[in-house]
Amino acid sequence: MEMAYRSRREPEIAEMRRVLAGFAMNEECKWGKPTYTVDGKNVVIMQGFKEYFALGFFQGALLKDPRKVLVRLGQVHAGRVMKFTSTKDITAKAATIKAYVREAIALEKAGLRMERRTTSDYPVPEELTERFRRDKRFKRAFEALTPGRQRGYLHHFAAAKQSATRVARIERAMPAIFEGRGFLESR
C-alpha cells in the first residue's frame, strides 16, 4: 500500500479481507501491499490510491467481466482492477467480488496466462522509421536497448496523436537512448 494512503485505507483493507476470507488463498505482503496467492502464484492485490481503493487481478484481462467492472490502468498488459469508493461500496459488491475472485483462482489453477507481447507487436511510428533511415547510429543505439525498453519507447512515441509531437518525443528521448536508458529511467 502506498504508505501515505495506508492508514487512510485500513477500513477498506479490513472489509476486503472479510470478503476474501472464505477463499483458499494465502495473504502475503508483496510490494508493501496485501497480496493473495494460490500455490505461490499471485491472484489479487489490494491497492490504495488517492481517489479510490482497488482490488487488482493479476490476470484480469482473461476474466469474463460480465458486469463490466474491471479497468485497465496505464499500459498494463494482463492486469485489471476493480475500483471502490468506500467500505459500503465493497460490501455492496461482495457477491461480484467473490464471483470474480473464484474465476481468477480457477484461471490460476489452470495455469492460464496472457500471451506475452513481443516488441514486434508494437507499431513503429513512421517518424521513428524515418529517423532510423537518416541516422544509422541512432538506429543501432535503439536496437541495442533491451526489448522492454524498446517497447516502452514505442508505446510512448505511438501514443502521441500528432506527427509533430511524435517527432518532438523522439528528439527528447535520443540522449537517453544513446545512453542505453529506458523511458522514464533516471540517470
N, C-alpha and C. Protein backbone atom coordinates (compact mmCIF):
# COMPACT_ATOMS: atom_id res chain seq x y z
N MET A 1 0.86 -1.17 0.00
CA MET A 1 0.00 0.00 0.00
C MET A 1 0.90 1.23 0.00
N GLU A 2 0.59 2.19 -0.81
CA GLU A 2 1.37 3.42 -0.78
C GLU A 2 1.27 3.94 0.65
N MET A 3 2.40 4.16 1.29
CA MET A 3 2.42 4.45 2.71
C MET A 3 1.54 5.64 3.10
N ALA A 4 1.48 6.67 2.29
CA ALA A 4 0.69 7.85 2.61
C ALA A 4 -0.80 7.53 2.72
N TYR A 5 -1.25 6.52 2.00
CA TYR A 5 -2.67 6.20 1.98
C TYR A 5 -3.02 4.99 2.83
N ARG A 6 -2.02 4.29 3.35
CA ARG A 6 -2.28 3.03 4.06
C ARG A 6 -3.21 3.22 5.25
N SER A 7 -2.88 4.16 6.14
CA SER A 7 -3.72 4.33 7.32
C SER A 7 -5.11 4.80 6.94
N ARG A 8 -5.20 5.59 5.90
CA ARG A 8 -6.50 6.07 5.44
C ARG A 8 -7.31 4.94 4.84
N ARG A 9 -6.65 3.89 4.34
CA ARG A 9 -7.33 2.78 3.65
C ARG A 9 -7.53 1.56 4.53
N GLU A 10 -7.15 1.63 5.82
CA GLU A 10 -7.32 0.49 6.71
C GLU A 10 -8.76 -0.05 6.72
N PRO A 11 -9.80 0.80 6.76
CA PRO A 11 -11.17 0.26 6.76
C PRO A 11 -11.47 -0.55 5.49
N GLU A 12 -11.01 -0.07 4.34
CA GLU A 12 -11.24 -0.80 3.08
C GLU A 12 -10.48 -2.12 3.07
N ILE A 13 -9.23 -2.10 3.59
CA ILE A 13 -8.43 -3.33 3.66
C ILE A 13 -9.15 -4.35 4.54
N ALA A 14 -9.63 -3.91 5.70
CA ALA A 14 -10.32 -4.81 6.62
C ALA A 14 -11.58 -5.39 5.98
N GLU A 15 -12.34 -4.57 5.29
CA GLU A 15 -13.58 -5.04 4.65
C GLU A 15 -13.26 -6.02 3.51
N MET A 16 -12.23 -5.71 2.72
CA MET A 16 -11.86 -6.60 1.62
C MET A 16 -11.35 -7.94 2.17
N ARG A 17 -10.60 -7.89 3.27
CA ARG A 17 -10.14 -9.13 3.90
C ARG A 17 -11.34 -9.98 4.33
N ARG A 18 -12.39 -9.32 4.85
CA ARG A 18 -13.59 -10.04 5.26
C ARG A 18 -14.24 -10.74 4.06
N VAL A 19 -14.33 -10.02 2.93
CA VAL A 19 -14.93 -10.58 1.72
C VAL A 19 -14.10 -11.75 1.19
N LEU A 20 -12.78 -11.65 1.27
CA LEU A 20 -11.90 -12.69 0.73
C LEU A 20 -11.62 -13.84 1.69
N ALA A 21 -12.12 -13.74 2.92
CA ALA A 21 -11.79 -14.70 3.98
C ALA A 21 -12.12 -16.15 3.65
N GLY A 22 -13.15 -16.41 2.89
CA GLY A 22 -13.55 -17.79 2.63
C GLY A 22 -12.76 -18.52 1.56
N PHE A 23 -11.85 -17.84 0.91
CA PHE A 23 -11.11 -18.45 -0.19
C PHE A 23 -9.83 -19.13 0.27
N ALA A 24 -9.46 -20.19 -0.42
CA ALA A 24 -8.22 -20.92 -0.10
C ALA A 24 -7.04 -20.21 -0.76
N MET A 25 -6.77 -19.01 -0.24
CA MET A 25 -5.64 -18.23 -0.74
C MET A 25 -4.79 -17.84 0.46
N ASN A 26 -3.52 -17.60 0.23
CA ASN A 26 -2.62 -17.11 1.27
C ASN A 26 -2.46 -15.61 1.12
N GLU A 27 -2.55 -14.89 2.23
CA GLU A 27 -2.26 -13.45 2.17
C GLU A 27 -0.78 -13.26 2.45
N GLU A 28 -0.11 -12.54 1.56
CA GLU A 28 1.30 -12.20 1.71
C GLU A 28 1.44 -10.70 1.51
N CYS A 29 2.55 -10.16 1.97
CA CYS A 29 2.83 -8.75 1.71
C CYS A 29 3.83 -8.69 0.56
N LYS A 30 3.38 -8.19 -0.58
CA LYS A 30 4.27 -8.04 -1.73
C LYS A 30 4.17 -6.59 -2.19
N TRP A 31 5.29 -5.97 -2.51
CA TRP A 31 5.34 -4.57 -2.91
C TRP A 31 4.69 -3.68 -1.85
N GLY A 32 4.75 -4.14 -0.59
CA GLY A 32 4.16 -3.38 0.51
C GLY A 32 2.65 -3.42 0.54
N LYS A 33 2.03 -4.35 -0.20
CA LYS A 33 0.57 -4.40 -0.30
C LYS A 33 0.06 -5.81 0.02
N PRO A 34 -1.14 -5.91 0.60
CA PRO A 34 -1.72 -7.24 0.83
C PRO A 34 -1.99 -7.92 -0.51
N THR A 35 -1.34 -9.07 -0.71
CA THR A 35 -1.44 -9.81 -1.98
C THR A 35 -1.87 -11.24 -1.67
N TYR A 36 -2.83 -11.73 -2.45
CA TYR A 36 -3.33 -13.09 -2.23
C TYR A 36 -2.81 -14.02 -3.31
N THR A 37 -2.33 -15.19 -2.85
CA THR A 37 -1.72 -16.15 -3.77
C THR A 37 -2.36 -17.53 -3.64
N VAL A 38 -2.22 -18.32 -4.69
CA VAL A 38 -2.62 -19.72 -4.70
C VAL A 38 -1.41 -20.49 -5.22
N ASP A 39 -0.94 -21.45 -4.45
CA ASP A 39 0.25 -22.23 -4.82
C ASP A 39 1.43 -21.32 -5.19
N GLY A 40 1.58 -20.22 -4.46
CA GLY A 40 2.69 -19.30 -4.70
C GLY A 40 2.52 -18.36 -5.87
N LYS A 41 1.40 -18.44 -6.57
CA LYS A 41 1.14 -17.58 -7.74
C LYS A 41 0.19 -16.44 -7.35
N ASN A 42 0.51 -15.23 -7.78
CA ASN A 42 -0.30 -14.06 -7.45
C ASN A 42 -1.68 -14.13 -8.12
N VAL A 43 -2.73 -13.85 -7.33
CA VAL A 43 -4.09 -13.83 -7.86
C VAL A 43 -4.66 -12.41 -7.80
N VAL A 44 -4.70 -11.83 -6.58
CA VAL A 44 -5.21 -10.47 -6.42
C VAL A 44 -4.34 -9.68 -5.46
N ILE A 45 -4.42 -8.35 -5.57
CA ILE A 45 -3.65 -7.45 -4.71
C ILE A 45 -4.53 -6.26 -4.34
N MET A 46 -4.44 -5.82 -3.09
CA MET A 46 -5.18 -4.64 -2.65
C MET A 46 -4.30 -3.41 -2.86
N GLN A 47 -4.90 -2.36 -3.40
CA GLN A 47 -4.13 -1.15 -3.68
C GLN A 47 -4.92 0.07 -3.26
N GLY A 48 -4.28 0.95 -2.52
CA GLY A 48 -4.92 2.20 -2.12
C GLY A 48 -4.39 3.35 -2.95
N PHE A 49 -5.29 4.12 -3.52
CA PHE A 49 -4.92 5.29 -4.31
C PHE A 49 -5.57 6.51 -3.67
N LYS A 50 -5.19 7.68 -4.12
CA LYS A 50 -5.72 8.91 -3.55
C LYS A 50 -7.24 8.98 -3.69
N GLU A 51 -7.76 8.67 -4.89
CA GLU A 51 -9.19 8.82 -5.15
C GLU A 51 -10.02 7.57 -4.93
N TYR A 52 -9.37 6.39 -4.85
CA TYR A 52 -10.13 5.16 -4.73
C TYR A 52 -9.28 4.04 -4.15
N PHE A 53 -9.95 2.95 -3.82
CA PHE A 53 -9.32 1.72 -3.36
C PHE A 53 -9.56 0.70 -4.45
N ALA A 54 -8.60 -0.20 -4.69
CA ALA A 54 -8.77 -1.16 -5.79
C ALA A 54 -8.36 -2.56 -5.38
N LEU A 55 -9.03 -3.52 -6.01
CA LEU A 55 -8.62 -4.91 -5.93
C LEU A 55 -8.09 -5.24 -7.32
N GLY A 56 -6.79 -5.51 -7.39
CA GLY A 56 -6.16 -5.78 -8.68
C GLY A 56 -6.10 -7.28 -8.96
N PHE A 57 -6.46 -7.64 -10.19
CA PHE A 57 -6.41 -9.03 -10.64
C PHE A 57 -5.22 -9.17 -11.58
N PHE A 58 -4.25 -10.02 -11.20
CA PHE A 58 -3.02 -10.14 -11.98
C PHE A 58 -3.27 -10.63 -13.42
N GLN A 59 -4.25 -11.51 -13.61
CA GLN A 59 -4.59 -12.00 -14.95
C GLN A 59 -6.01 -11.53 -15.31
N GLY A 60 -6.34 -10.32 -14.90
CA GLY A 60 -7.69 -9.78 -15.08
C GLY A 60 -8.18 -9.71 -16.51
N ALA A 61 -7.26 -9.56 -17.46
CA ALA A 61 -7.67 -9.48 -18.87
C ALA A 61 -8.29 -10.79 -19.34
N LEU A 62 -8.03 -11.89 -18.63
CA LEU A 62 -8.59 -13.19 -19.01
C LEU A 62 -9.97 -13.44 -18.39
N LEU A 63 -10.36 -12.60 -17.42
CA LEU A 63 -11.67 -12.77 -16.78
C LEU A 63 -12.78 -12.36 -17.74
N LYS A 64 -13.94 -13.00 -17.60
CA LYS A 64 -15.07 -12.72 -18.50
C LYS A 64 -15.64 -11.31 -18.30
N ASP A 65 -15.67 -10.80 -17.09
CA ASP A 65 -16.14 -9.45 -16.75
C ASP A 65 -17.57 -9.15 -17.23
N PRO A 66 -18.56 -9.99 -16.87
CA PRO A 66 -19.93 -9.75 -17.32
C PRO A 66 -20.53 -8.44 -16.80
N ARG A 67 -20.05 -7.99 -15.64
CA ARG A 67 -20.58 -6.74 -15.06
C ARG A 67 -19.83 -5.49 -15.52
N LYS A 68 -18.81 -5.68 -16.34
CA LYS A 68 -18.01 -4.55 -16.86
C LYS A 68 -17.47 -3.67 -15.73
N VAL A 69 -16.87 -4.32 -14.73
CA VAL A 69 -16.32 -3.59 -13.59
C VAL A 69 -14.80 -3.53 -13.57
N LEU A 70 -14.15 -4.25 -14.48
CA LEU A 70 -12.69 -4.26 -14.49
C LEU A 70 -12.14 -3.14 -15.36
N VAL A 71 -11.10 -2.50 -14.86
CA VAL A 71 -10.49 -1.36 -15.54
C VAL A 71 -9.02 -1.65 -15.78
N ARG A 72 -8.54 -1.25 -16.94
CA ARG A 72 -7.12 -1.37 -17.26
C ARG A 72 -6.44 -0.07 -16.87
N LEU A 73 -5.37 -0.16 -16.09
CA LEU A 73 -4.64 1.04 -15.68
C LEU A 73 -3.36 1.16 -16.50
N GLY A 74 -3.19 2.27 -17.17
CA GLY A 74 -1.97 2.50 -17.93
C GLY A 74 -1.76 1.51 -19.05
N GLN A 75 -0.50 1.13 -19.28
CA GLN A 75 -0.19 0.23 -20.38
C GLN A 75 0.00 -1.21 -19.90
N VAL A 76 -0.61 -1.54 -18.75
CA VAL A 76 -0.54 -2.90 -18.21
C VAL A 76 -1.17 -3.86 -19.20
N HIS A 77 -0.53 -5.00 -19.41
CA HIS A 77 -0.99 -5.97 -20.40
C HIS A 77 -2.08 -6.90 -19.85
N ALA A 78 -1.82 -7.59 -18.74
CA ALA A 78 -2.74 -8.60 -18.24
C ALA A 78 -3.58 -8.13 -17.06
N GLY A 79 -3.04 -7.27 -16.23
CA GLY A 79 -3.72 -6.86 -15.01
C GLY A 79 -4.92 -5.97 -15.24
N ARG A 80 -5.91 -6.12 -14.35
CA ARG A 80 -7.10 -5.27 -14.35
C ARG A 80 -7.46 -5.00 -12.90
N VAL A 81 -8.13 -3.89 -12.63
CA VAL A 81 -8.54 -3.57 -11.26
C VAL A 81 -10.04 -3.34 -11.19
N MET A 82 -10.58 -3.59 -9.99
CA MET A 82 -11.96 -3.28 -9.65
C MET A 82 -11.85 -2.13 -8.66
N LYS A 83 -12.49 -1.00 -8.94
CA LYS A 83 -12.35 0.19 -8.09
C LYS A 83 -13.51 0.31 -7.10
N PHE A 84 -13.18 0.86 -5.92
CA PHE A 84 -14.17 1.06 -4.87
C PHE A 84 -13.97 2.44 -4.25
N THR A 85 -15.08 3.05 -3.82
CA THR A 85 -15.00 4.40 -3.24
C THR A 85 -15.13 4.38 -1.72
N SER A 86 -15.58 3.24 -1.14
CA SER A 86 -15.79 3.18 0.31
C SER A 86 -15.95 1.73 0.75
N THR A 87 -16.00 1.53 2.08
CA THR A 87 -16.26 0.18 2.60
C THR A 87 -17.67 -0.25 2.21
N LYS A 88 -18.62 0.68 2.19
CA LYS A 88 -20.00 0.34 1.80
C LYS A 88 -20.04 -0.16 0.37
N ASP A 89 -19.22 0.44 -0.48
CA ASP A 89 -19.12 0.03 -1.89
C ASP A 89 -18.61 -1.41 -1.98
N ILE A 90 -17.61 -1.74 -1.17
CA ILE A 90 -17.06 -3.10 -1.14
C ILE A 90 -18.13 -4.08 -0.66
N THR A 91 -18.81 -3.72 0.43
CA THR A 91 -19.86 -4.58 0.99
C THR A 91 -20.97 -4.83 -0.03
N ALA A 92 -21.39 -3.77 -0.72
CA ALA A 92 -22.47 -3.89 -1.71
C ALA A 92 -22.08 -4.77 -2.89
N LYS A 93 -20.78 -4.81 -3.20
CA LYS A 93 -20.32 -5.59 -4.36
C LYS A 93 -19.67 -6.91 -3.95
N ALA A 94 -19.88 -7.34 -2.71
CA ALA A 94 -19.23 -8.55 -2.19
C ALA A 94 -19.50 -9.77 -3.07
N ALA A 95 -20.73 -9.97 -3.52
CA ALA A 95 -21.05 -11.14 -4.35
C ALA A 95 -20.30 -11.09 -5.68
N THR A 96 -20.21 -9.90 -6.27
CA THR A 96 -19.47 -9.73 -7.54
C THR A 96 -17.98 -9.99 -7.32
N ILE A 97 -17.43 -9.42 -6.24
CA ILE A 97 -16.02 -9.62 -5.93
C ILE A 97 -15.73 -11.12 -5.81
N LYS A 98 -16.57 -11.83 -5.07
CA LYS A 98 -16.36 -13.27 -4.85
C LYS A 98 -16.43 -14.04 -6.17
N ALA A 99 -17.38 -13.69 -7.02
CA ALA A 99 -17.51 -14.39 -8.31
C ALA A 99 -16.25 -14.18 -9.16
N TYR A 100 -15.74 -12.94 -9.19
CA TYR A 100 -14.55 -12.64 -9.99
C TYR A 100 -13.32 -13.34 -9.41
N VAL A 101 -13.20 -13.34 -8.06
CA VAL A 101 -12.05 -13.99 -7.42
C VAL A 101 -12.11 -15.50 -7.65
N ARG A 102 -13.31 -16.08 -7.58
CA ARG A 102 -13.47 -17.52 -7.86
C ARG A 102 -12.95 -17.85 -9.26
N GLU A 103 -13.33 -17.02 -10.24
CA GLU A 103 -12.87 -17.23 -11.62
C GLU A 103 -11.35 -17.03 -11.72
N ALA A 104 -10.82 -16.02 -11.03
CA ALA A 104 -9.38 -15.75 -11.07
C ALA A 104 -8.59 -16.93 -10.48
N ILE A 105 -9.10 -17.53 -9.41
CA ILE A 105 -8.44 -18.69 -8.81
C ILE A 105 -8.46 -19.85 -9.79
N ALA A 106 -9.61 -20.06 -10.45
CA ALA A 106 -9.72 -21.16 -11.42
C ALA A 106 -8.73 -20.96 -12.58
N LEU A 107 -8.61 -19.71 -13.06
CA LEU A 107 -7.65 -19.42 -14.13
C LEU A 107 -6.23 -19.73 -13.68
N GLU A 108 -5.92 -19.35 -12.44
CA GLU A 108 -4.57 -19.57 -11.90
C GLU A 108 -4.29 -21.06 -11.77
N LYS A 109 -5.26 -21.80 -11.26
CA LYS A 109 -5.07 -23.25 -11.09
C LYS A 109 -4.93 -23.95 -12.44
N ALA A 110 -5.58 -23.39 -13.47
CA ALA A 110 -5.48 -23.97 -14.82
C ALA A 110 -4.18 -23.55 -15.50
N GLY A 111 -3.44 -22.62 -14.87
CA GLY A 111 -2.17 -22.17 -15.42
C GLY A 111 -2.32 -21.23 -16.62
N LEU A 112 -3.50 -20.62 -16.77
CA LEU A 112 -3.72 -19.73 -17.92
C LEU A 112 -3.02 -18.40 -17.72
N ARG A 113 -2.45 -17.87 -18.80
CA ARG A 113 -1.72 -16.61 -18.78
C ARG A 113 -2.01 -15.84 -20.05
N MET A 114 -1.93 -14.54 -19.94
CA MET A 114 -1.99 -13.71 -21.14
C MET A 114 -0.74 -14.00 -21.94
N GLU A 115 -0.90 -14.07 -23.24
CA GLU A 115 0.26 -14.29 -24.09
C GLU A 115 1.17 -13.07 -24.00
N ARG A 116 2.44 -13.33 -23.79
CA ARG A 116 3.40 -12.21 -23.69
C ARG A 116 3.47 -11.47 -25.01
N ARG A 117 3.49 -10.15 -24.88
CA ARG A 117 3.64 -9.34 -26.08
C ARG A 117 5.12 -9.22 -26.39
N THR A 118 5.42 -9.23 -27.68
CA THR A 118 6.81 -9.06 -28.09
C THR A 118 6.96 -7.67 -28.68
N THR A 119 8.18 -7.25 -28.84
CA THR A 119 8.44 -5.92 -29.38
C THR A 119 7.83 -5.76 -30.77
N SER A 120 7.82 -6.83 -31.55
CA SER A 120 7.25 -6.73 -32.90
C SER A 120 5.73 -6.52 -32.89
N ASP A 121 5.07 -6.71 -31.73
CA ASP A 121 3.63 -6.45 -31.62
C ASP A 121 3.34 -4.94 -31.54
N TYR A 122 4.34 -4.15 -31.27
CA TYR A 122 4.16 -2.70 -31.12
C TYR A 122 4.41 -2.00 -32.46
N PRO A 123 3.51 -1.09 -32.82
CA PRO A 123 3.72 -0.37 -34.08
C PRO A 123 4.93 0.57 -33.99
N VAL A 124 5.67 0.68 -35.08
CA VAL A 124 6.81 1.61 -35.13
C VAL A 124 6.31 2.84 -35.89
N PRO A 125 6.19 3.99 -35.21
CA PRO A 125 5.70 5.19 -35.89
C PRO A 125 6.60 5.54 -37.09
N GLU A 126 5.98 6.03 -38.15
CA GLU A 126 6.76 6.34 -39.36
C GLU A 126 7.81 7.41 -39.09
N GLU A 127 7.58 8.29 -38.11
CA GLU A 127 8.57 9.31 -37.76
C GLU A 127 9.84 8.66 -37.21
N LEU A 128 9.67 7.56 -36.47
CA LEU A 128 10.83 6.85 -35.94
C LEU A 128 11.55 6.11 -37.06
N THR A 129 10.79 5.47 -37.94
CA THR A 129 11.38 4.78 -39.09
C THR A 129 12.20 5.76 -39.93
N GLU A 130 11.65 6.95 -40.13
CA GLU A 130 12.34 7.99 -40.91
C GLU A 130 13.62 8.42 -40.20
N ARG A 131 13.57 8.58 -38.88
CA ARG A 131 14.74 8.99 -38.11
C ARG A 131 15.82 7.90 -38.21
N PHE A 132 15.40 6.62 -38.12
CA PHE A 132 16.34 5.50 -38.26
C PHE A 132 17.02 5.53 -39.64
N ARG A 133 16.24 5.84 -40.66
CA ARG A 133 16.76 5.89 -42.03
C ARG A 133 17.84 6.96 -42.16
N ARG A 134 17.63 8.11 -41.50
CA ARG A 134 18.57 9.23 -41.59
C ARG A 134 19.75 9.10 -40.63
N ASP A 135 19.58 8.34 -39.54
CA ASP A 135 20.61 8.29 -38.50
C ASP A 135 20.85 6.84 -38.08
N LYS A 136 21.78 6.17 -38.77
CA LYS A 136 22.07 4.76 -38.51
C LYS A 136 22.61 4.53 -37.10
N ARG A 137 23.37 5.50 -36.60
CA ARG A 137 23.94 5.38 -35.25
C ARG A 137 22.80 5.34 -34.23
N PHE A 138 21.78 6.17 -34.42
CA PHE A 138 20.62 6.18 -33.52
C PHE A 138 19.86 4.85 -33.62
N LYS A 139 19.71 4.34 -34.84
CA LYS A 139 19.01 3.06 -35.03
C LYS A 139 19.74 1.95 -34.28
N ARG A 140 21.06 1.92 -34.35
CA ARG A 140 21.85 0.91 -33.64
C ARG A 140 21.69 1.05 -32.13
N ALA A 141 21.67 2.30 -31.66
CA ALA A 141 21.51 2.54 -30.22
C ALA A 141 20.14 2.04 -29.75
N PHE A 142 19.10 2.30 -30.54
CA PHE A 142 17.75 1.85 -30.19
C PHE A 142 17.70 0.32 -30.18
N GLU A 143 18.27 -0.30 -31.19
CA GLU A 143 18.25 -1.77 -31.29
C GLU A 143 19.08 -2.43 -30.19
N ALA A 144 20.02 -1.69 -29.60
CA ALA A 144 20.84 -2.23 -28.52
C ALA A 144 20.10 -2.21 -27.18
N LEU A 145 19.00 -1.47 -27.10
CA LEU A 145 18.20 -1.43 -25.87
C LEU A 145 17.58 -2.80 -25.61
N THR A 146 17.27 -3.07 -24.36
CA THR A 146 16.56 -4.32 -24.04
C THR A 146 15.17 -4.26 -24.69
N PRO A 147 14.56 -5.42 -24.96
CA PRO A 147 13.22 -5.41 -25.56
C PRO A 147 12.20 -4.61 -24.75
N GLY A 148 12.27 -4.70 -23.43
CA GLY A 148 11.33 -3.95 -22.59
C GLY A 148 11.50 -2.45 -22.75
N ARG A 149 12.74 -2.00 -22.83
CA ARG A 149 12.99 -0.56 -23.03
C ARG A 149 12.51 -0.13 -24.41
N GLN A 150 12.74 -0.95 -25.41
CA GLN A 150 12.24 -0.62 -26.76
C GLN A 150 10.72 -0.48 -26.74
N ARG A 151 10.03 -1.41 -26.08
CA ARG A 151 8.56 -1.36 -26.02
C ARG A 151 8.09 -0.10 -25.32
N GLY A 152 8.77 0.28 -24.25
CA GLY A 152 8.40 1.50 -23.53
C GLY A 152 8.46 2.72 -24.43
N TYR A 153 9.53 2.83 -25.18
CA TYR A 153 9.66 3.97 -26.11
C TYR A 153 8.63 3.89 -27.23
N LEU A 154 8.45 2.71 -27.81
CA LEU A 154 7.48 2.58 -28.91
C LEU A 154 6.08 2.97 -28.45
N HIS A 155 5.72 2.55 -27.25
CA HIS A 155 4.41 2.92 -26.71
C HIS A 155 4.32 4.44 -26.53
N HIS A 156 5.36 5.02 -25.94
CA HIS A 156 5.39 6.46 -25.69
C HIS A 156 5.31 7.26 -27.00
N PHE A 157 6.08 6.86 -27.98
CA PHE A 157 6.08 7.59 -29.25
C PHE A 157 4.73 7.45 -29.95
N ALA A 158 4.20 6.24 -30.03
CA ALA A 158 2.96 5.99 -30.76
C ALA A 158 1.73 6.60 -30.07
N ALA A 159 1.83 6.86 -28.77
CA ALA A 159 0.69 7.41 -28.03
C ALA A 159 0.38 8.85 -28.43
N ALA A 160 1.34 9.54 -29.03
CA ALA A 160 1.12 10.93 -29.46
C ALA A 160 0.21 10.94 -30.69
N LYS A 161 -0.78 11.82 -30.65
CA LYS A 161 -1.75 11.88 -31.75
C LYS A 161 -1.22 12.60 -32.99
N GLN A 162 -0.37 13.59 -32.76
CA GLN A 162 0.13 14.39 -33.89
C GLN A 162 1.57 14.03 -34.24
N SER A 163 1.86 14.10 -35.52
CA SER A 163 3.19 13.79 -36.01
C SER A 163 4.25 14.67 -35.35
N ALA A 164 3.95 15.96 -35.21
CA ALA A 164 4.92 16.89 -34.62
C ALA A 164 5.25 16.47 -33.19
N THR A 165 4.27 15.99 -32.46
CA THR A 165 4.50 15.54 -31.08
C THR A 165 5.35 14.28 -31.07
N ARG A 166 5.09 13.36 -32.00
CA ARG A 166 5.90 12.14 -32.08
C ARG A 166 7.36 12.51 -32.37
N VAL A 167 7.58 13.43 -33.32
CA VAL A 167 8.94 13.88 -33.65
C VAL A 167 9.61 14.49 -32.42
N ALA A 168 8.87 15.34 -31.69
CA ALA A 168 9.43 16.00 -30.50
C ALA A 168 9.79 14.96 -29.43
N ARG A 169 8.93 13.96 -29.26
CA ARG A 169 9.21 12.92 -28.27
C ARG A 169 10.46 12.13 -28.64
N ILE A 170 10.60 11.82 -29.91
CA ILE A 170 11.77 11.08 -30.37
C ILE A 170 13.03 11.90 -30.11
N GLU A 171 12.98 13.19 -30.47
CA GLU A 171 14.14 14.08 -30.26
C GLU A 171 14.53 14.14 -28.78
N ARG A 172 13.51 14.30 -27.90
CA ARG A 172 13.79 14.39 -26.47
C ARG A 172 14.35 13.09 -25.91
N ALA A 173 13.95 11.96 -26.48
CA ALA A 173 14.38 10.66 -25.97
C ALA A 173 15.77 10.25 -26.46
N MET A 174 16.25 10.88 -27.52
CA MET A 174 17.51 10.45 -28.12
C MET A 174 18.69 10.38 -27.14
N PRO A 175 18.93 11.39 -26.30
CA PRO A 175 20.08 11.29 -25.39
C PRO A 175 19.99 10.06 -24.47
N ALA A 176 18.81 9.78 -23.94
CA ALA A 176 18.63 8.62 -23.05
C ALA A 176 18.84 7.32 -23.82
N ILE A 177 18.36 7.27 -25.06
CA ILE A 177 18.53 6.06 -25.88
C ILE A 177 20.01 5.82 -26.17
N PHE A 178 20.72 6.88 -26.49
CA PHE A 178 22.16 6.75 -26.73
C PHE A 178 22.90 6.26 -25.47
N GLU A 179 22.36 6.61 -24.28
CA GLU A 179 22.96 6.18 -23.02
C GLU A 179 22.47 4.80 -22.60
N GLY A 180 21.53 4.22 -23.35
CA GLY A 180 21.03 2.88 -23.04
C GLY A 180 19.95 2.85 -21.96
N ARG A 181 19.41 4.04 -21.65
CA ARG A 181 18.37 4.12 -20.62
C ARG A 181 16.98 3.93 -21.21
N GLY A 182 16.06 3.42 -20.39
CA GLY A 182 14.68 3.26 -20.80
C GLY A 182 13.88 4.52 -20.61
N PHE A 183 12.66 4.53 -21.14
CA PHE A 183 11.74 5.64 -20.98
C PHE A 183 11.45 5.81 -19.48
N LEU A 184 11.55 7.03 -18.99
CA LEU A 184 11.34 7.39 -17.57
C LEU A 184 12.42 6.84 -16.62
N GLU A 185 13.47 6.28 -17.16
CA GLU A 185 14.57 5.75 -16.33
C GLU A 185 15.56 6.88 -16.08
N SER A 186 15.80 7.18 -14.80
CA SER A 186 16.71 8.29 -14.49
C SER A 186 18.16 7.83 -14.58
N ARG A 187 19.04 8.81 -14.61
CA ARG A 187 20.48 8.52 -14.72
C ARG A 187 21.00 7.82 -13.50
